[in-house]
Amino acid sequence: MTNHSSAVSAHDVELPRIGAWKVIHENDEWSVALCTIQEPDRKGRTRVGIRWNGGAGADSLLGYPNVRGYPCWFVLPDELGATVRCLVEHGSVVLPPICCHGEEAGVPG
C-alpha cells in the first residue's frame, strides 16, 4: 500500500474500459497491475498496466498518468508487459517460457 498520506493508492484507480484488474505490485512510488481491457474488436484481454502513485506535492497528488483529474493506468504493449510482469513476479526476466504467459502478458501459463 502507498504510505504517502496524500498519494492515490493503486487499489483506488478505476477506469470504465477496465473490466477487472489486480494490483500485483505497489510501493510508495509506483504500481503494476494486471488489467482486463475491454476492446471493441475483441473479448477482454489481460494486459499489464503501470503508474506512478504520486506524492505529497500539490502537482503530484493524483500520480501519473491521470486524465481530467482522475488517476489511471498506462497500459504497456504486450512485449513490454510480459517483461515487467516477469520482473515483478520473479525478481528478474526469465527468458525461457517460465514467465511467458502465452501471447499476451496476462494469460495464465
C-alpha atoms as a PDB file:
ATOM      1  CA  MET A   1       0.000   0.000   0.000  1.00  0.00           C
ATOM      2  CA  THR A   2       1.055   3.562  -0.527  1.00  0.00           C
ATOM      3  CA  ASN A   3       2.449   5.279   2.572  1.00  0.00           C
ATOM      4  CA  HIS A   4       2.142   8.855   1.311  1.00  0.00           C
ATOM      5  CA  SER A   5      -0.984  10.070   3.078  1.00  0.00           C
ATOM      6  CA  SER A   6      -1.940  12.261   0.126  1.00  0.00           C
ATOM      7  CA  ALA A   7      -0.997   9.874  -2.700  1.00  0.00           C
ATOM      8  CA  VAL A   8      -3.568   7.815  -4.584  1.00  0.00           C
ATOM      9  CA  SER A   9      -3.485   4.089  -3.835  1.00  0.00           C
ATOM     10  CA  ALA A  10      -3.325   1.863  -6.904  1.00  0.00           C
ATOM     11  CA  HIS A  11      -6.297  -0.035  -5.461  1.00  0.00           C
ATOM     12  CA  ASP A  12      -8.441   3.123  -5.856  1.00  0.00           C
ATOM     13  CA  VAL A  13      -7.728   3.686  -9.571  1.00  0.00           C
ATOM     14  CA  GLU A  14     -10.764   2.851 -11.712  1.00  0.00           C
ATOM     15  CA  LEU A  15     -11.426   3.241 -15.419  1.00  0.00           C
ATOM     16  CA  PRO A  16     -14.549   2.283 -17.396  1.00  0.00           C
ATOM     17  CA  ARG A  17     -12.741   0.228 -20.077  1.00  0.00           C
ATOM     18  CA  ILE A  18     -11.009  -1.920 -17.477  1.00  0.00           C
ATOM     19  CA  GLY A  19     -13.373  -4.733 -16.593  1.00  0.00           C
ATOM     20  CA  ALA A  20     -11.251  -6.273 -13.856  1.00  0.00           C
ATOM     21  CA  TRP A  21      -7.767  -5.641 -12.516  1.00  0.00           C
ATOM     22  CA  LYS A  22      -5.447  -6.953  -9.847  1.00  0.00           C
ATOM     23  CA  VAL A  23      -2.596  -4.956  -8.318  1.00  0.00           C
ATOM     24  CA  ILE A  24       0.482  -7.222  -8.346  1.00  0.00           C
ATOM     25  CA  HIS A  25       2.959  -4.644  -7.019  1.00  0.00           C
ATOM     26  CA  GLU A  26       2.559  -1.408  -5.096  1.00  0.00           C
ATOM     27  CA  ASN A  27       5.147   0.583  -3.183  1.00  0.00           C
ATOM     28  CA  ASP A  28       5.481   4.235  -2.198  1.00  0.00           C
ATOM     29  CA  GLU A  29       6.464   5.278  -5.716  1.00  0.00           C
ATOM     30  CA  TRP A  30       4.911   3.055  -8.378  1.00  0.00           C
ATOM     31  CA  SER A  31       2.467   0.216  -9.027  1.00  0.00           C
ATOM     32  CA  VAL A  32       1.889  -2.593 -11.510  1.00  0.00           C
ATOM     33  CA  ALA A  33      -1.481  -4.236 -12.171  1.00  0.00           C
ATOM     34  CA  LEU A  34      -2.967  -6.892 -14.405  1.00  0.00           C
ATOM     35  CA  CYS A  35      -5.911  -5.253 -16.161  1.00  0.00           C
ATOM     36  CA  THR A  36      -8.658  -6.801 -18.260  1.00  0.00           C
ATOM     37  CA  ILE A  37      -9.160  -4.355 -21.108  1.00  0.00           C
ATOM     38  CA  GLN A  38     -12.491  -4.377 -22.922  1.00  0.00           C
ATOM     39  CA  GLU A  39     -11.537  -3.738 -26.532  1.00  0.00           C
ATOM     40  CA  PRO A  40     -14.251  -3.115 -29.162  1.00  0.00           C
ATOM     41  CA  ASP A  41     -12.948  -5.710 -31.628  1.00  0.00           C
ATOM     42  CA  ARG A  42     -12.021  -8.407 -29.078  1.00  0.00           C
ATOM     43  CA  LYS A  43     -13.144 -10.051 -25.913  1.00  0.00           C
ATOM     44  CA  GLY A  44     -11.476  -8.715 -22.780  1.00  0.00           C
ATOM     45  CA  ARG A  45      -7.740  -9.348 -22.726  1.00  0.00           C
ATOM     46  CA  THR A  46      -5.409  -9.169 -19.798  1.00  0.00           C
ATOM     47  CA  ARG A  47      -2.686  -6.543 -20.086  1.00  0.00           C
ATOM     48  CA  VAL A  48      -0.111  -5.051 -17.740  1.00  0.00           C
ATOM     49  CA  GLY A  49      -0.683  -1.505 -16.511  1.00  0.00           C
ATOM     50  CA  ILE A  50       1.785   0.711 -14.632  1.00  0.00           C
ATOM     51  CA  ARG A  51       1.540   4.034 -12.816  1.00  0.00           C
ATOM     52  CA  TRP A  52       3.485   6.401 -10.588  1.00  0.00           C
ATOM     53  CA  ASN A  53       1.470   6.725  -7.377  1.00  0.00           C
ATOM     54  CA  GLY A  54       2.130  10.387  -6.638  1.00  0.00           C
ATOM     55  CA  GLY A  55       3.305  12.128  -3.523  1.00  0.00           C
ATOM     56  CA  ALA A  56       2.777  14.993  -1.147  1.00  0.00           C
ATOM     57  CA  GLY A  57       3.250  17.858  -3.623  1.00  0.00           C
ATOM     58  CA  ALA A  58       0.137  19.573  -4.963  1.00  0.00           C
ATOM     59  CA  ASP A  59       1.137  18.797  -8.566  1.00  0.00           C
ATOM     60  CA  SER A  60       1.568  15.092  -7.864  1.00  0.00           C
ATOM     61  CA  LEU A  61      -1.437  14.154  -5.716  1.00  0.00           C
ATOM     62  CA  LEU A  62      -3.042  12.068  -8.462  1.00  0.00           C
ATOM     63  CA  GLY A  63       0.143  10.378  -9.592  1.00  0.00           C
ATOM     64  CA  TYR A  64       0.746   9.727 -13.264  1.00  0.00           C
ATOM     65  CA  PRO A  65      -0.872   9.082 -15.595  1.00  0.00           C
ATOM     66  CA  ASN A  66      -4.079  10.942 -14.851  1.00  0.00           C
ATOM     67  CA  VAL A  67      -6.807  12.184 -17.161  1.00  0.00           C
ATOM     68  CA  ARG A  68      -9.163  15.070 -16.407  1.00  0.00           C
ATOM     69  CA  GLY A  69      -8.415  14.902 -12.709  1.00  0.00           C
ATOM     70  CA  TYR A  70      -8.719  11.110 -12.353  1.00  0.00           C
ATOM     71  CA  PRO A  71      -5.831   8.693 -11.799  1.00  0.00           C
ATOM     72  CA  CYS A  72      -5.477   5.993 -14.452  1.00  0.00           C
ATOM     73  CA  TRP A  73      -3.139   3.250 -15.697  1.00  0.00           C
ATOM     74  CA  PHE A  74      -0.648   3.313 -18.563  1.00  0.00           C
ATOM     75  CA  VAL A  75      -1.225   0.040 -20.427  1.00  0.00           C
ATOM     76  CA  LEU A  76       2.001  -1.433 -21.782  1.00  0.00           C
ATOM     77  CA  PRO A  77       2.396  -3.144 -25.159  1.00  0.00           C
ATOM     78  CA  ASP A  78       2.273  -6.933 -24.730  1.00  0.00           C
ATOM     79  CA  GLU A  79       6.028  -7.434 -25.219  1.00  0.00           C
ATOM     80  CA  LEU A  80       6.951  -4.887 -22.540  1.00  0.00           C
ATOM     81  CA  GLY A  81       4.133  -6.020 -20.274  1.00  0.00           C
ATOM     82  CA  ALA A  82       5.454  -9.586 -20.245  1.00  0.00           C
ATOM     83  CA  THR A  83       8.904  -8.316 -19.209  1.00  0.00           C
ATOM     84  CA  VAL A  84       7.546  -6.075 -16.445  1.00  0.00           C
ATOM     85  CA  ARG A  85       5.332  -8.885 -15.152  1.00  0.00           C
ATOM     86  CA  CYS A  86       8.328 -11.255 -15.029  1.00  0.00           C
ATOM     87  CA  LEU A  87      10.358  -8.687 -13.088  1.00  0.00           C
ATOM     88  CA  VAL A  88       7.578  -8.159 -10.550  1.00  0.00           C
ATOM     89  CA  GLU A  89       6.672 -11.831 -10.106  1.00  0.00           C
ATOM     90  CA  HIS A  90      10.156 -13.382 -10.284  1.00  0.00           C
ATOM     91  CA  GLY A  91      12.569 -10.565  -9.481  1.00  0.00           C
ATOM     92  CA  SER A  92      14.254 -10.979 -12.860  1.00  0.00           C
ATOM     93  CA  VAL A  93      13.498 -11.546 -16.506  1.00  0.00           C
ATOM     94  CA  VAL A  94      13.406 -15.275 -17.198  1.00  0.00           C
ATOM     95  CA  LEU A  95      13.928 -15.918 -20.888  1.00  0.00           C
ATOM     96  CA  PRO A  96      12.552 -19.473 -21.163  1.00  0.00           C
ATOM     97  CA  PRO A  97       8.748 -19.814 -21.164  1.00  0.00           C
ATOM     98  CA  ILE A  98       8.615 -19.869 -17.346  1.00  0.00           C
ATOM     99  CA  CYS A  99       7.153 -16.374 -17.288  1.00  0.00           C
ATOM    100  CA  CYS A 100       5.893 -16.179 -20.824  1.00  0.00           C
ATOM    101  CA  HIS A 101       2.159 -16.169 -20.260  1.00  0.00           C
ATOM    102  CA  GLY A 102       1.011 -17.070 -23.733  1.00  0.00           C
ATOM    103  CA  GLU A 103       0.976 -14.459 -26.459  1.00  0.00           C
ATOM    104  CA  GLU A 104      -0.469 -11.882 -24.095  1.00  0.00           C
ATOM    105  CA  ALA A 105       1.276 -10.742 -20.934  1.00  0.00           C
ATOM    106  CA  GLY A 106      -1.534 -11.644 -18.583  1.00  0.00           C
ATOM    107  CA  VAL A 107      -2.724 -15.019 -19.844  1.00  0.00           C
ATOM    108  CA  PRO A 108      -2.014 -17.610 -17.117  1.00  0.00           C
ATOM    109  CA  GLY A 109       0.709 -20.043 -18.132  1.00  0.00           C
END
